[in-house]
Amino acid sequence: MESGKLLIGSREAARMLSISERTLWRLVFETADRPLPHIRVGRRVLFSKTDLEEWIRANRTVGREHDEEGRE
């Protein structure tokens, strides 16, 4: 990945997120509550590395803790 680029294409964004391009497009267009942030430049859809990192942080979940008896 070239560090100087501000925007990246779908292939690189999917690689950065460790998902398929198909999953990337679902996150962009089919996720109503928290869609993956993107930028349209003409017909192209591009992604900001910073936006992707923020989206990861915002969508991070932490597993639930064990209850008092040690069950999950």
C-alpha atoms as a PDB file:
ATOM      1  CA  MET A   1       0.000   0.000   0.000  1.00  0.00           C
ATOM      2  CA  GLU A   2       1.357   3.373  -0.914  1.00  0.00           C
ATOM      3  CA  SER A   3       1.346   5.539   2.218  1.00  0.00           C
ATOM      4  CA  GLY A   4       1.055   8.896   0.395  1.00  0.00           C
ATOM      5  CA  LYS A   5      -2.359   8.209  -1.176  1.00  0.00           C
ATOM      6  CA  LEU A   6      -5.341   9.878   0.477  1.00  0.00           C
ATOM      7  CA  LEU A   7      -7.933   7.730  -1.293  1.00  0.00           C
ATOM      8  CA  ILE A   8      -7.843   4.074  -2.291  1.00  0.00           C
ATOM      9  CA  GLY A   9      -9.923   1.902  -4.595  1.00  0.00           C
ATOM     10  CA  SER A  10     -12.254  -0.923  -3.656  1.00  0.00           C
ATOM     11  CA  ARG A  11      -9.712  -3.696  -4.121  1.00  0.00           C
ATOM     12  CA  GLU A  12      -7.219  -2.044  -1.779  1.00  0.00           C
ATOM     13  CA  ALA A  13      -9.965  -1.110   0.722  1.00  0.00           C
ATOM     14  CA  ALA A  14     -11.190  -4.716   0.820  1.00  0.00           C
ATOM     15  CA  ARG A  15      -7.636  -5.930   1.297  1.00  0.00           C
ATOM     16  CA  MET A  16      -7.104  -3.387   4.093  1.00  0.00           C
ATOM     17  CA  LEU A  17     -10.245  -4.674   5.858  1.00  0.00           C
ATOM     18  CA  SER A  18      -9.416  -8.348   5.147  1.00  0.00           C
ATOM     19  CA  ILE A  19     -12.760  -8.894   3.403  1.00  0.00           C
ATOM     20  CA  SER A  20     -13.853  -9.705  -0.136  1.00  0.00           C
ATOM     21  CA  GLU A  21     -14.813  -6.948  -2.557  1.00  0.00           C
ATOM     22  CA  ARG A  22     -18.328  -8.380  -2.589  1.00  0.00           C
ATOM     23  CA  THR A  23     -18.587  -7.903   1.182  1.00  0.00           C
ATOM     24  CA  LEU A  24     -17.142  -4.404   0.821  1.00  0.00           C
ATOM     25  CA  TRP A  25     -19.907  -3.431  -1.627  1.00  0.00           C
ATOM     26  CA  ARG A  26     -22.543  -4.874   0.707  1.00  0.00           C
ATOM     27  CA  LEU A  27     -21.175  -2.727   3.526  1.00  0.00           C
ATOM     28  CA  VAL A  28     -21.223   0.344   1.281  1.00  0.00           C
ATOM     29  CA  PHE A  29     -24.684  -0.005  -0.241  1.00  0.00           C
ATOM     30  CA  GLU A  30     -26.716  -2.463   1.853  1.00  0.00           C
ATOM     31  CA  THR A  31     -25.905  -1.483   5.436  1.00  0.00           C
ATOM     32  CA  ALA A  32     -28.473   1.116   6.454  1.00  0.00           C
ATOM     33  CA  ASP A  33     -27.454   1.749  10.061  1.00  0.00           C
ATOM     34  CA  ARG A  34     -23.677   2.261   9.650  1.00  0.00           C
ATOM     35  CA  PRO A  35     -22.647   2.085   5.994  1.00  0.00           C
ATOM     36  CA  LEU A  36     -18.995   1.994   5.113  1.00  0.00           C
ATOM     37  CA  PRO A  37     -17.919   5.590   4.374  1.00  0.00           C
ATOM     38  CA  HIS A  38     -17.003   6.240   0.763  1.00  0.00           C
ATOM     39  CA  ILE A  39     -16.432   9.081  -1.664  1.00  0.00           C
ATOM     40  CA  ARG A  40     -17.835   9.281  -5.179  1.00  0.00           C
ATOM     41  CA  VAL A  41     -15.569  10.820  -7.798  1.00  0.00           C
ATOM     42  CA  GLY A  42     -17.545  10.673 -11.009  1.00  0.00           C
ATOM     43  CA  ARG A  43     -18.446   7.007 -11.450  1.00  0.00           C
ATOM     44  CA  ARG A  44     -15.649   5.814  -9.180  1.00  0.00           C
ATOM     45  CA  VAL A  45     -16.172   4.944  -5.533  1.00  0.00           C
ATOM     46  CA  LEU A  46     -13.105   5.587  -3.411  1.00  0.00           C
ATOM     47  CA  PHE A  47     -12.271   5.152   0.254  1.00  0.00           C
ATOM     48  CA  SER A  48     -10.273   7.196   2.739  1.00  0.00           C
ATOM     49  CA  LYS A  49      -7.888   5.121   4.832  1.00  0.00           C
ATOM     50  CA  THR A  50      -8.657   7.373   7.808  1.00  0.00           C
ATOM     51  CA  ASP A  51     -12.418   6.858   7.349  1.00  0.00           C
ATOM     52  CA  LEU A  52     -11.925   3.091   7.184  1.00  0.00           C
ATOM     53  CA  GLU A  53      -9.879   3.113  10.400  1.00  0.00           C
ATOM     54  CA  GLU A  54     -12.549   5.229  12.150  1.00  0.00           C
ATOM     55  CA  TRP A  55     -15.308   2.919  10.861  1.00  0.00           C
ATOM     56  CA  ILE A  56     -13.433  -0.066  12.301  1.00  0.00           C
ATOM     57  CA  ARG A  57     -13.157   1.616  15.705  1.00  0.00           C
ATOM     58  CA  ALA A  58     -16.837   2.672  15.660  1.00  0.00           C
ATOM     59  CA  ASN A  59     -18.002  -0.848  14.789  1.00  0.00           C
ATOM     60  CA  ARG A  60     -15.747  -2.735  17.155  1.00  0.00           C
ATOM     61  CA  THR A  61     -17.516  -4.998  19.629  1.00  0.00           C
ATOM     62  CA  VAL A  62     -16.108  -6.510  22.756  1.00  0.00           C
ATOM     63  CA  GLY A  63     -17.143  -9.999  23.808  1.00  0.00           C
ATOM     64  CA  ARG A  64     -19.307 -10.244  26.855  1.00  0.00           C
ATOM     65  CA  GLU A  65     -17.624 -11.012  30.110  1.00  0.00           C
ATOM     66  CA  HIS A  66     -18.124 -14.144  32.187  1.00  0.00           C
ATOM     67  CA  ASP A  67     -20.890 -14.003  34.747  1.00  0.00           C
ATOM     68  CA  GLU A  68     -20.269 -14.694  38.459  1.00  0.00           C
ATOM     69  CA  GLU A  69     -20.469 -18.489  37.997  1.00  0.00           C
ATOM     70  CA  GLY A  70     -17.939 -18.536  35.178  1.00  0.00           C
ATOM     71  CA  ARG A  71     -20.460 -19.069  32.391  1.00  0.00           C
ATOM     72  CA  GLU A  72     -20.248 -17.099  29.191  1.00  0.00           C
END
